[in-house]
Amino acid sequence: MAQPVLIGGQWREANASSVFRAENPATQEPMDEEYPVSSWEDCDEALGCAAAAAIAMRKLTGDAIANFMEKYADRIEARKDDLVAMANAETALPVSPRLGDVELPRTTGQLRQAAAAARDGSWRQLTIDTAANIRSGLAPLGPIAVFGPNNFPFAFGSISGGDFTAAIAAGNPVIAKANSSHPATTRIFAEEAQAAAEETGMPAGVVQLIYRTAHEDGERLVADARLGGVGYTGARGAGLKLKAAADTVGVPIYLELSSINPVVILPGALAERNDDLQQEFTGSCLMGAGQFCTNPGLVVVVGDDNGEQFVAGVAEKFAAAPVGTLLSRGVASLLANSVSQLREAGAECLVGDADGGGQGHSRANTLLRVTGEQFVSNSEVMQTEAFGNESLMVVVADIDQVCAVMDGLEGNLTGCIYSAADGSDDEAYDRVADHLRPHVGRLLNDKMPTGVAVSEAMNHGGPFPATGHPGFTAVGIPSSLVRFASLHCFDAVRPHRLPACLQDKNPTGSTWRRIDGQWTTDDVGG
């Protein structure tokens, strides 16, 4: 029998049109449990329950929401062994350090950070104009549907990750749509989320879970008027279909879609530390078999002797490095197709582009090469994202051509520039940065982009197609909460009818509010 769905605070049998099983990528064998492909009836019921939960959540204090999130984080830590073992079986990601020592603490850490933001309330940007008797601030948007990716089953998971965390902290119920690659991992999270909700007295339907729908039902879900917004991390094609559906009714949808994360290594940096940069790039690109949204998929170097040495050295290291396991059969197929597109467009394969080489679903570490002229003349195809253990070297003639390559870039999550420590690259850096900066959300210097710190200053976003909107981030609290909020304004509303956060008395004593042009934690008139 298929596993149950979580709808309206109850685990129950799904209205299923069919069932599916996840696959162990390392053994290429199907997992034991079956999961339902929910029909529209499940989606419709979940939307109705979420709409009711949204009304109830608007009456909750930030402290109540924070209590739920902290309890959930505690329960996740208590199920650490189960979660890590299941995620390892469903994704082949290493138990240690990746899942147990890095991703799970990050998941609970961002839950607790968001809980603190919910309790404090300053993220709401509360503004009071006493002379005009107008008060405004950010408030919950309504039910949020979260679609999680395959590559981060914890920290970006649909019922545990950053979008989920931000939506809940902003006061919204969540309908989680599990990624089909790791349904059992998601189910364990949902069990603990529901238990935490019951322990802390949260409304029924604050968290709900379905595993898979037909494509048309997924599009119908995001276009339903009962939904307040959508968070999606995944492939560009599916994301754009969901966006088109959501746009028909104006449902805000925040997408993380595609990024090749260009790295420019200037001549002085290569002259100083060529071997170290070869090692640093290889480690970053092949970490986790390259299955990071911030994986460096494009490297630009000037083709002098040091540039050629760098390319040749990286090719040797790619050939010698172990080949990691890819997340699924589909990831391996898409990687092969992307590399084929790049080669058909004229890219030279320096190493790799072969099936196998690692345990289970795998492809050889692949390094491709093009000239600056080739990239500039066919920049759209040359930016085909090859999600996995692959990168494209662009060997240019000079800094002018580096800038031309930068001008042809689509939007990316990150971009980095390596420069000489002695300042000899400073003029070139300034020129390249001017051309790169408009195309990336996060600019790095002398640092590979793979890590994404859960810092309040972080921007994990960028121009399209990295994300659907360049003004918002999926990582970084409290900034990430703003995506799932709407601005509520109260004009001449009687004091007792105002939400507590906009009444004269500061409800926490520590929430920052802008009163008559000044940020303060005082009461109005205090």
Protein backbone atom coordinates (compact mmCIF):
# COMPACT_ATOMS: atom_id res chain seq x y z
CA MET A 1 0.00 0.00 0.00
CA ALA A 2 1.21 3.51 -0.78
CA GLN A 3 2.34 5.78 2.04
CA PRO A 4 -0.27 8.26 3.31
CA VAL A 5 -0.38 12.00 2.61
CA LEU A 6 -0.64 14.66 5.33
CA ILE A 7 -3.70 16.87 4.79
CA GLY A 8 -5.55 19.01 7.31
CA GLY A 9 -3.52 17.74 10.26
CA GLN A 10 -4.26 14.07 9.49
CA TRP A 11 -2.30 11.30 7.81
CA ARG A 12 -4.65 9.56 5.42
CA GLU A 13 -4.74 7.46 2.30
CA ALA A 14 -4.26 9.55 -0.84
CA ASN A 15 -6.71 9.95 -3.68
CA ALA A 16 -4.09 8.52 -5.99
CA SER A 17 -4.07 8.18 -9.74
CA SER A 18 -0.97 5.94 -9.57
CA VAL A 19 2.07 5.19 -7.40
CA PHE A 20 5.83 5.51 -7.73
CA ARG A 21 9.03 4.44 -5.98
CA ALA A 22 12.23 6.35 -5.44
CA GLU A 23 15.48 4.78 -6.62
CA ASN A 24 18.73 4.28 -4.76
CA PRO A 25 21.24 6.06 -7.04
CA ALA A 26 24.20 4.04 -5.78
CA THR A 27 22.62 0.62 -6.42
CA GLN A 28 20.22 1.70 -9.19
CA GLU A 29 17.54 -0.37 -7.44
CA PRO A 30 14.04 0.88 -6.52
CA MET A 31 13.32 1.56 -2.86
CA ASP A 32 10.81 -0.61 -1.02
CA GLU A 33 8.07 1.92 -0.25
CA GLU A 34 5.44 3.08 -2.71
CA TYR A 35 4.24 6.69 -2.77
CA PRO A 36 1.04 8.10 -4.26
CA VAL A 37 0.64 10.41 -7.23
CA SER A 38 -2.14 12.55 -5.79
CA SER A 39 -5.16 13.47 -7.88
CA TRP A 40 -6.67 16.96 -7.92
CA GLU A 41 -8.96 15.95 -5.04
CA ASP A 42 -5.96 15.87 -2.68
CA CYS A 43 -4.73 19.26 -3.92
CA ASP A 44 -8.20 20.78 -3.56
CA GLU A 45 -8.59 19.52 0.00
CA ALA A 46 -5.11 20.71 0.95
CA LEU A 47 -5.85 24.18 -0.45
CA GLY A 48 -9.07 24.40 1.53
CA CYS A 49 -7.37 23.35 4.75
CA ALA A 50 -4.48 25.77 4.11
CA ALA A 51 -6.89 28.65 3.55
CA ALA A 52 -8.53 27.96 6.91
CA ALA A 53 -5.12 27.62 8.59
CA ALA A 54 -4.01 30.95 7.12
CA ILE A 55 -6.90 32.76 8.83
CA ALA A 56 -6.03 31.13 12.14
CA MET A 57 -2.32 31.89 11.77
CA ARG A 58 -2.97 35.60 11.30
CA LYS A 59 -4.15 35.66 14.90
CA LEU A 60 -0.98 34.00 16.24
CA THR A 61 1.83 35.93 17.88
CA GLY A 62 5.37 35.75 16.58
CA ASP A 63 6.25 33.98 19.80
CA ALA A 64 3.75 31.17 19.07
CA ILE A 65 5.16 30.65 15.58
CA ALA A 66 8.71 30.69 16.96
CA ASN A 67 7.80 28.06 19.56
CA PHE A 68 6.60 25.74 16.79
CA MET A 69 9.75 26.23 14.72
CA GLU A 70 12.05 25.64 17.67
CA LYS A 71 10.17 22.52 18.71
CA TYR A 72 10.39 21.26 15.13
CA ALA A 73 14.16 21.86 15.10
CA ASP A 74 14.48 19.89 18.34
CA ARG A 75 12.50 16.99 16.89
CA ILE A 76 14.61 16.97 13.71
CA GLU A 77 17.74 16.61 15.80
CA ALA A 78 16.16 13.72 17.69
CA ARG A 79 15.50 11.94 14.35
CA LYS A 80 18.96 12.71 12.96
CA ASP A 81 20.02 9.08 12.50
CA ASP A 82 16.80 8.14 10.67
CA LEU A 83 16.93 11.21 8.44
CA VAL A 84 20.58 10.83 7.52
CA ALA A 85 20.28 7.12 6.77
CA MET A 86 17.19 7.58 4.61
CA ALA A 87 18.59 10.57 2.71
CA ASN A 88 21.80 8.65 2.04
CA ALA A 89 19.79 5.75 0.61
CA GLU A 90 17.62 8.01 -1.57
CA THR A 91 20.30 10.43 -2.82
CA ALA A 92 23.70 8.71 -2.29
CA LEU A 93 24.90 11.92 -0.62
CA PRO A 94 27.53 11.03 2.02
CA VAL A 95 26.39 10.42 5.59
CA SER A 96 29.42 12.37 6.82
CA PRO A 97 30.26 15.13 6.53
CA ARG A 98 27.58 16.20 4.01
CA LEU A 99 24.29 15.07 5.52
CA GLY A 100 24.93 14.60 9.21
CA ASP A 101 27.60 17.21 9.91
CA VAL A 102 26.75 19.99 7.46
CA GLU A 103 23.26 19.90 5.98
CA LEU A 104 21.26 18.81 9.00
CA PRO A 105 22.79 21.42 11.37
CA ARG A 106 22.25 24.04 8.68
CA THR A 107 18.59 23.03 8.48
CA THR A 108 17.96 23.29 12.21
CA GLY A 109 20.08 26.42 12.41
CA GLN A 110 18.03 28.30 9.85
CA LEU A 111 14.81 27.17 11.55
CA ARG A 112 16.04 28.70 14.80
CA GLN A 113 17.26 31.87 13.09
CA ALA A 114 13.87 32.31 11.46
CA ALA A 115 12.13 31.60 14.77
CA ALA A 116 14.11 34.45 16.34
CA ALA A 117 13.07 36.75 13.49
CA ALA A 118 9.41 35.76 13.93
CA ARG A 119 9.58 36.39 17.67
CA ASP A 120 11.28 39.78 17.27
CA GLY A 121 9.05 41.02 14.43
CA SER A 122 11.43 43.71 13.15
CA TRP A 123 11.47 42.06 9.71
CA ARG A 124 7.93 43.39 9.15
CA GLN A 125 9.22 46.92 8.36
CA LEU A 126 6.53 48.47 10.54
CA THR A 127 5.90 52.15 9.80
CA ILE A 128 3.73 54.59 11.75
CA ASP A 129 2.83 58.15 10.68
CA THR A 130 0.99 59.65 13.63
CA ALA A 131 0.16 62.96 11.92
CA ALA A 132 -1.62 61.26 9.01
CA ASN A 133 -2.91 58.41 11.22
CA ILE A 134 -1.58 55.83 8.74
CA ARG A 135 0.22 52.68 9.79
CA SER A 136 1.64 49.85 7.66
CA GLY A 137 3.76 46.73 7.78
CA LEU A 138 4.40 43.37 6.21
CA ALA A 139 1.90 40.62 6.98
CA PRO A 140 1.43 36.97 5.96
CA LEU A 141 0.76 36.40 2.28
CA GLY A 142 -1.43 33.31 2.64
CA PRO A 143 -0.93 29.59 1.94
CA ILE A 144 2.44 28.88 0.30
CA ALA A 145 3.18 25.88 -1.94
CA VAL A 146 6.82 24.79 -1.73
CA PHE A 147 8.46 22.59 -4.38
CA GLY A 148 11.78 21.22 -3.14
CA PRO A 149 14.84 20.21 -5.23
CA ASN A 150 16.60 16.87 -5.53
CA ASN A 151 20.07 17.98 -4.39
CA PHE A 152 19.42 19.32 -0.86
CA PRO A 153 16.93 16.97 0.84
CA PHE A 154 17.28 18.79 4.18
CA ALA A 155 18.31 22.44 3.81
CA PHE A 156 16.13 23.14 0.75
CA GLY A 157 13.52 20.43 1.31
CA SER A 158 9.90 21.30 0.76
CA ILE A 159 8.94 20.78 4.41
CA SER A 160 12.26 21.56 6.10
CA GLY A 161 14.32 23.95 3.99
CA GLY A 162 14.76 27.64 3.43
CA ASP A 163 11.53 28.37 1.54
CA PHE A 164 9.49 26.39 4.07
CA THR A 165 11.23 28.10 6.97
CA ALA A 166 10.74 31.61 5.55
CA ALA A 167 7.09 30.99 4.73
CA ILE A 168 6.27 29.68 8.20
CA ALA A 169 8.23 32.43 9.98
CA ALA A 170 6.29 35.01 7.97
CA GLY A 171 3.07 33.49 9.34
CA ASN A 172 1.90 31.32 6.43
CA PRO A 173 0.82 27.66 6.25
CA VAL A 174 2.75 25.50 3.79
CA ILE A 175 1.64 22.87 1.30
CA ALA A 176 4.82 20.89 0.67
CA LYS A 177 5.26 19.02 -2.59
CA ALA A 178 8.00 16.45 -2.03
CA ASN A 179 10.73 15.87 -4.57
CA SER A 180 10.22 12.45 -6.13
CA SER A 181 13.89 11.58 -5.57
CA HIS A 182 13.58 11.52 -1.77
CA PRO A 183 9.95 11.03 -0.66
CA ALA A 184 10.76 8.95 2.43
CA THR A 185 13.16 11.57 3.76
CA THR A 186 10.46 14.20 3.27
CA ARG A 187 7.89 12.00 5.01
CA ILE A 188 10.10 11.75 8.13
CA PHE A 189 10.37 15.53 8.23
CA ALA A 190 6.60 15.83 7.85
CA GLU A 191 6.04 13.42 10.74
CA GLU A 192 8.16 15.61 13.00
CA ALA A 193 6.65 18.87 11.72
CA GLN A 194 3.12 17.62 12.41
CA ALA A 195 4.09 16.36 15.85
CA ALA A 196 5.68 19.74 16.66
CA ALA A 197 2.55 21.52 15.42
CA GLU A 198 0.35 19.43 17.70
CA GLU A 199 2.65 19.94 20.69
CA THR A 200 2.62 23.72 20.27
CA GLY A 201 -1.06 24.15 19.45
CA MET A 202 -0.70 25.23 15.85
CA PRO A 203 -3.77 25.24 13.57
CA ALA A 204 -4.58 22.06 11.65
CA GLY A 205 -3.13 22.34 8.17
CA VAL A 206 -0.15 24.55 9.09
CA VAL A 207 1.99 21.92 7.34
CA GLN A 208 0.69 19.54 4.69
CA LEU A 209 2.43 17.07 2.39
CA ILE A 210 1.74 15.53 -0.99
CA TYR A 211 4.40 13.59 -2.88
CA ARG A 212 3.67 13.97 -6.57
CA THR A 213 0.92 15.16 -8.91
CA ALA A 214 0.28 15.05 -12.61
CA HIS A 215 1.89 18.03 -14.36
CA GLU A 216 -1.48 19.59 -15.12
CA ASP A 217 -2.54 19.32 -11.47
CA GLY A 218 0.69 20.96 -10.34
CA GLU A 219 0.02 23.86 -12.69
CA ARG A 220 -3.59 24.04 -11.51
CA LEU A 221 -2.38 24.08 -7.90
CA VAL A 222 -0.09 27.11 -8.32
CA ALA A 223 -2.84 28.97 -10.22
CA ASP A 224 -5.46 28.48 -7.52
CA ALA A 225 -6.79 31.72 -6.01
CA ARG A 226 -6.63 30.23 -2.50
CA LEU A 227 -2.84 30.12 -2.73
CA GLY A 228 -0.84 33.11 -1.54
CA GLY A 229 2.49 32.27 -3.17
CA VAL A 230 4.91 29.61 -4.39
CA GLY A 231 8.55 28.73 -3.70
CA TYR A 232 10.24 26.52 -6.31
CA THR A 233 13.78 25.19 -6.68
CA GLY A 234 14.52 22.93 -9.62
CA ALA A 235 14.85 22.60 -13.38
CA ARG A 236 14.22 25.61 -15.58
CA GLY A 237 11.67 23.97 -17.88
CA ALA A 238 9.32 22.80 -15.12
CA GLY A 239 9.75 26.04 -13.20
CA LEU A 240 8.80 28.20 -16.16
CA LYS A 241 5.64 26.14 -16.73
CA LEU A 242 4.64 26.70 -13.12
CA LYS A 243 5.44 30.40 -13.45
CA ALA A 244 3.26 30.72 -16.54
CA ALA A 245 0.39 29.10 -14.65
CA ALA A 246 0.85 31.25 -11.53
CA ASP A 247 1.14 34.43 -13.61
CA THR A 248 -2.29 33.87 -15.13
CA VAL A 249 -3.86 34.70 -11.75
CA GLY A 250 -1.07 36.83 -10.27
CA VAL A 251 0.11 34.35 -7.63
CA PRO A 252 3.66 35.43 -6.64
CA ILE A 253 6.13 32.66 -7.47
CA TYR A 254 9.78 32.69 -6.41
CA LEU A 255 11.96 30.49 -8.58
CA GLU A 256 15.51 29.20 -8.46
CA LEU A 257 16.11 27.80 -11.92
CA SER A 258 19.55 27.75 -13.52
CA SER A 259 23.05 29.11 -12.97
CA ILE A 260 26.52 28.41 -14.38
CA ASN A 261 28.30 30.72 -11.91
CA PRO A 262 31.15 32.18 -13.98
CA VAL A 263 34.66 32.31 -12.54
CA VAL A 264 37.22 34.73 -14.03
CA ILE A 265 40.86 34.10 -13.14
CA LEU A 266 43.00 37.09 -14.04
CA PRO A 267 46.57 36.69 -15.36
CA GLY A 268 48.33 37.95 -12.23
CA ALA A 269 46.50 35.44 -10.04
CA LEU A 270 47.57 32.57 -12.30
CA ALA A 271 51.17 33.79 -12.30
CA GLU A 272 51.17 33.85 -8.49
CA ARG A 273 49.39 30.60 -7.55
CA ASN A 274 48.55 28.49 -10.58
CA ASP A 275 48.81 25.09 -8.89
CA ASP A 276 46.73 26.19 -5.89
CA LEU A 277 44.00 27.57 -8.16
CA GLN A 278 43.89 24.33 -10.15
CA GLN A 279 43.32 22.42 -6.94
CA GLU A 280 40.80 24.90 -5.56
CA PHE A 281 38.72 24.93 -8.72
CA THR A 282 38.79 21.14 -9.15
CA GLY A 283 37.67 20.61 -5.55
CA SER A 284 34.84 23.11 -5.90
CA CYS A 285 33.61 21.85 -9.26
CA LEU A 286 33.65 18.13 -8.41
CA MET A 287 32.39 18.42 -4.82
CA GLY A 288 29.21 16.38 -4.49
CA ALA A 289 29.59 15.32 -8.14
CA GLY A 290 29.01 18.96 -9.08
CA GLN A 291 25.36 18.88 -8.00
CA PHE A 292 25.18 22.33 -6.44
CA CYS A 293 23.24 25.30 -7.75
CA THR A 294 26.41 27.35 -7.18
CA ASN A 295 28.74 24.91 -8.94
CA PRO A 296 31.35 26.77 -11.08
CA GLY A 297 30.29 25.71 -14.56
CA LEU A 298 32.18 28.36 -16.55
CA VAL A 299 35.80 29.48 -16.16
CA VAL A 300 37.39 32.33 -18.12
CA VAL A 301 41.19 32.63 -18.45
CA VAL A 302 43.52 34.52 -20.77
CA GLY A 303 45.31 32.07 -23.06
CA ASP A 304 48.90 32.95 -22.22
CA ASP A 305 51.39 30.36 -20.94
CA ASN A 306 49.94 30.48 -17.42
CA GLY A 307 46.40 30.17 -18.73
CA GLU A 308 47.30 27.14 -20.82
CA GLN A 309 49.08 25.61 -17.83
CA PHE A 310 45.96 26.10 -15.74
CA VAL A 311 43.67 24.44 -18.29
CA ALA A 312 46.02 21.48 -18.78
CA GLY A 313 46.49 21.05 -15.04
CA VAL A 314 42.76 21.06 -14.36
CA ALA A 315 42.21 18.48 -17.10
CA GLU A 316 44.76 16.18 -15.45
CA LYS A 317 43.13 16.61 -12.06
CA PHE A 318 39.65 15.93 -13.47
CA ALA A 319 40.93 12.71 -15.05
CA ALA A 320 42.56 11.58 -11.81
CA ALA A 321 39.76 12.55 -9.41
CA PRO A 322 37.19 10.01 -8.18
CA VAL A 323 33.83 10.07 -9.99
CA GLY A 324 30.87 10.75 -7.73
CA THR A 325 27.41 9.24 -7.79
CA LEU A 326 24.73 11.38 -9.42
CA LEU A 327 21.38 11.92 -7.72
CA SER A 328 19.29 9.99 -10.21
CA ARG A 329 19.03 8.38 -13.61
CA GLY A 330 17.41 11.59 -14.85
CA VAL A 331 20.31 13.76 -13.66
CA ALA A 332 22.78 11.53 -15.50
CA SER A 333 20.71 11.69 -18.69
CA LEU A 334 20.33 15.48 -18.56
CA LEU A 335 24.06 15.90 -17.93
CA ALA A 336 24.88 13.79 -20.98
CA ASN A 337 22.43 15.77 -23.12
CA SER A 338 23.84 19.12 -21.98
CA VAL A 339 27.42 18.10 -22.72
CA SER A 340 26.30 16.85 -26.13
CA GLN A 341 24.72 20.26 -26.88
CA LEU A 342 27.93 22.04 -25.93
CA ARG A 343 30.05 19.73 -28.10
CA GLU A 344 27.70 20.11 -31.05
CA ALA A 345 28.12 23.89 -30.68
CA GLY A 346 31.90 23.50 -31.05
CA ALA A 347 33.22 22.85 -27.54
CA GLU A 348 36.29 20.61 -27.41
CA CYS A 349 36.22 17.82 -24.83
CA LEU A 350 39.49 17.76 -22.89
CA VAL A 351 38.53 14.89 -20.62
CA GLY A 352 35.43 12.86 -19.75
CA ASP A 353 32.05 12.77 -21.49
CA ALA A 354 31.50 9.07 -20.89
CA ASP A 355 28.96 7.08 -18.91
CA GLY A 356 30.01 5.41 -15.69
CA GLY A 357 33.25 5.66 -13.79
CA GLY A 358 31.65 5.83 -10.36
CA GLN A 359 29.21 3.89 -8.22
CA GLY A 360 25.66 3.67 -9.58
CA HIS A 361 24.41 6.54 -11.71
CA SER A 362 27.55 8.36 -12.78
CA ARG A 363 29.40 10.06 -15.61
CA ALA A 364 33.10 10.75 -16.00
CA ASN A 365 34.39 14.09 -14.75
CA THR A 366 34.11 16.28 -17.84
CA LEU A 367 36.06 19.38 -18.88
CA LEU A 368 35.26 21.23 -22.10
CA ARG A 369 37.02 24.12 -23.84
CA VAL A 370 36.06 26.92 -26.23
CA THR A 371 37.69 30.12 -27.42
CA GLY A 372 36.44 33.54 -26.49
CA GLU A 373 35.28 34.04 -30.07
CA GLN A 374 33.24 30.83 -29.97
CA PHE A 375 31.55 31.84 -26.73
CA VAL A 376 30.70 35.38 -27.81
CA SER A 377 29.32 34.26 -31.17
CA ASN A 378 27.06 31.60 -29.63
CA SER A 379 26.68 32.67 -26.02
CA GLU A 380 23.18 31.29 -25.45
CA VAL A 381 24.10 27.69 -26.28
CA MET A 382 27.48 27.99 -24.57
CA GLN A 383 25.61 28.72 -21.34
CA THR A 384 23.69 25.45 -21.41
CA GLU A 385 23.67 24.32 -17.78
CA ALA A 386 25.29 20.91 -17.35
CA PHE A 387 24.19 20.03 -13.82
CA GLY A 388 26.86 17.73 -12.45
CA ASN A 389 30.60 17.13 -12.57
CA GLU A 390 31.36 19.27 -15.64
CA SER A 391 32.74 22.69 -16.46
CA LEU A 392 33.51 24.76 -19.57
CA MET A 393 36.82 26.59 -19.97
CA VAL A 394 36.66 29.77 -22.06
CA VAL A 395 40.16 30.70 -23.20
CA VAL A 396 40.23 34.35 -24.31
CA ALA A 397 42.78 36.57 -26.04
CA ASP A 398 42.82 39.47 -23.58
CA ILE A 399 40.87 41.45 -20.97
CA ASP A 400 38.77 43.09 -23.68
CA GLN A 401 37.52 39.65 -24.62
CA VAL A 402 36.90 38.77 -20.98
CA CYS A 403 34.57 41.78 -20.84
CA ALA A 404 32.85 40.69 -24.05
CA VAL A 405 32.20 37.27 -22.53
CA MET A 406 30.77 38.91 -19.40
CA ASP A 407 28.43 41.04 -21.54
CA GLY A 408 26.93 37.89 -23.05
CA LEU A 409 26.09 36.25 -19.74
CA GLU A 410 22.60 35.40 -18.60
CA GLY A 411 21.70 36.01 -14.96
CA ASN A 412 23.53 33.89 -12.39
CA LEU A 413 23.44 33.28 -8.68
CA THR A 414 27.16 33.99 -8.35
CA GLY A 415 30.20 35.23 -10.19
CA CYS A 416 33.80 35.37 -8.99
CA ILE A 417 37.00 37.11 -9.94
CA TYR A 418 40.43 35.90 -8.84
CA SER A 419 43.13 38.56 -8.83
CA ALA A 420 46.78 38.92 -7.85
CA ALA A 421 47.60 39.66 -4.23
CA ASP A 422 50.23 42.23 -5.26
CA GLY A 423 47.66 44.50 -6.94
CA SER A 424 48.88 43.91 -10.49
CA ASP A 425 45.38 42.82 -11.56
CA ASP A 426 43.57 45.77 -9.98
CA GLU A 427 42.91 47.67 -13.20
CA ALA A 428 41.72 44.52 -14.97
CA TYR A 429 39.57 43.62 -11.96
CA ASP A 430 37.77 46.97 -12.06
CA ARG A 431 37.00 46.58 -15.75
CA VAL A 432 35.79 42.99 -15.49
CA ALA A 433 33.71 43.65 -12.38
CA ASP A 434 31.84 46.45 -14.16
CA HIS A 435 30.76 43.96 -16.84
CA LEU A 436 30.12 41.01 -14.50
CA ARG A 437 28.27 42.70 -11.64
CA PRO A 438 24.91 43.24 -13.47
CA HIS A 439 24.70 39.51 -14.26
CA VAL A 440 25.12 38.01 -10.77
CA GLY A 441 23.39 38.14 -7.42
CA ARG A 442 26.52 37.50 -5.35
CA LEU A 443 29.99 38.67 -6.40
CA LEU A 444 32.98 36.86 -4.86
CA ASN A 445 36.68 37.69 -4.86
CA ASP A 446 39.36 35.00 -4.59
CA LYS A 447 36.83 32.44 -3.40
CA MET A 448 34.92 29.66 -5.14
CA PRO A 449 31.12 30.03 -5.07
CA THR A 450 30.02 26.60 -3.87
CA GLY A 451 29.32 27.47 -0.23
CA VAL A 452 26.20 29.47 0.68
CA ALA A 453 26.43 30.74 4.26
CA VAL A 454 23.19 31.18 6.20
CA SER A 455 24.03 34.80 6.94
CA GLU A 456 21.59 37.70 7.18
CA ALA A 457 23.75 39.46 4.56
CA MET A 458 23.60 36.56 2.06
CA ASN A 459 21.94 36.88 -1.33
CA HIS A 460 21.04 33.54 -2.85
CA GLY A 461 19.28 35.01 -5.84
CA GLY A 462 20.08 36.86 -9.02
CA PRO A 463 18.86 38.01 -12.42
CA PHE A 464 16.82 35.63 -14.59
CA PRO A 465 17.23 32.72 -15.16
CA ALA A 466 19.07 32.24 -11.87
CA THR A 467 15.81 33.22 -10.21
CA GLY A 468 12.47 34.57 -11.30
CA HIS A 469 13.00 37.94 -9.59
CA PRO A 470 16.35 39.68 -8.90
CA GLY A 471 15.17 41.56 -5.81
CA PHE A 472 14.80 38.62 -3.42
CA THR A 473 16.91 35.94 -1.77
CA ALA A 474 16.15 32.34 -0.84
CA VAL A 475 18.89 32.31 1.83
CA GLY A 476 19.50 34.98 4.45
CA ILE A 477 17.21 35.67 7.36
CA PRO A 478 15.22 37.89 7.77
CA SER A 479 15.46 39.04 4.11
CA SER A 480 14.13 35.72 2.79
CA LEU A 481 10.90 36.14 4.78
CA VAL A 482 9.88 39.20 2.79
CA ARG A 483 9.06 37.05 -0.26
CA PHE A 484 6.13 35.50 1.55
CA ALA A 485 4.57 38.68 2.89
CA SER A 486 2.30 41.45 1.62
CA LEU A 487 2.20 45.10 2.69
CA HIS A 488 -0.85 45.88 4.82
CA CYS A 489 -1.78 49.51 5.33
CA PHE A 490 -4.25 50.83 7.92
CA ASP A 491 -5.63 54.33 7.32
CA ALA A 492 -7.59 55.92 10.21
CA VAL A 493 -8.31 52.49 11.67
CA ARG A 494 -9.42 52.61 15.30
CA PRO A 495 -6.56 51.77 17.66
CA HIS A 496 -8.10 48.61 19.16
CA ARG A 497 -8.65 47.21 15.64
CA LEU A 498 -5.00 47.51 14.63
CA PRO A 499 -2.75 44.44 14.71
CA ALA A 500 -0.72 44.38 17.91
CA CYS A 501 2.50 45.19 16.08
CA LEU A 502 1.07 48.55 14.89
CA GLN A 503 -0.63 49.64 18.07
CA ASP A 504 0.91 52.41 20.18
CA LYS A 505 2.54 49.98 22.60
CA ASN A 506 5.48 48.01 21.22
CA PRO A 507 4.24 44.41 21.70
CA THR A 508 7.67 42.96 22.43
CA GLY A 509 9.53 45.99 23.69
CA SER A 510 12.32 45.21 21.24
CA THR A 511 10.69 45.27 17.79
CA TRP A 512 12.11 48.01 15.58
CA ARG A 513 9.44 50.29 14.11
CA ARG A 514 9.74 53.49 12.06
CA ILE A 515 7.70 56.09 13.93
CA ASP A 516 7.41 59.53 12.34
CA GLY A 517 10.61 59.08 10.40
CA GLN A 518 12.76 57.54 13.13
CA TRP A 519 13.58 53.88 13.76
CA THR A 520 12.92 53.09 17.42
CA THR A 521 11.86 50.34 19.82
CA ASP A 522 9.86 52.85 21.91
CA ASP A 523 6.10 52.98 22.20
CA VAL A 524 4.32 55.65 20.17
CA GLY A 525 4.70 58.85 22.16
CA GLY A 526 7.27 57.16 24.40
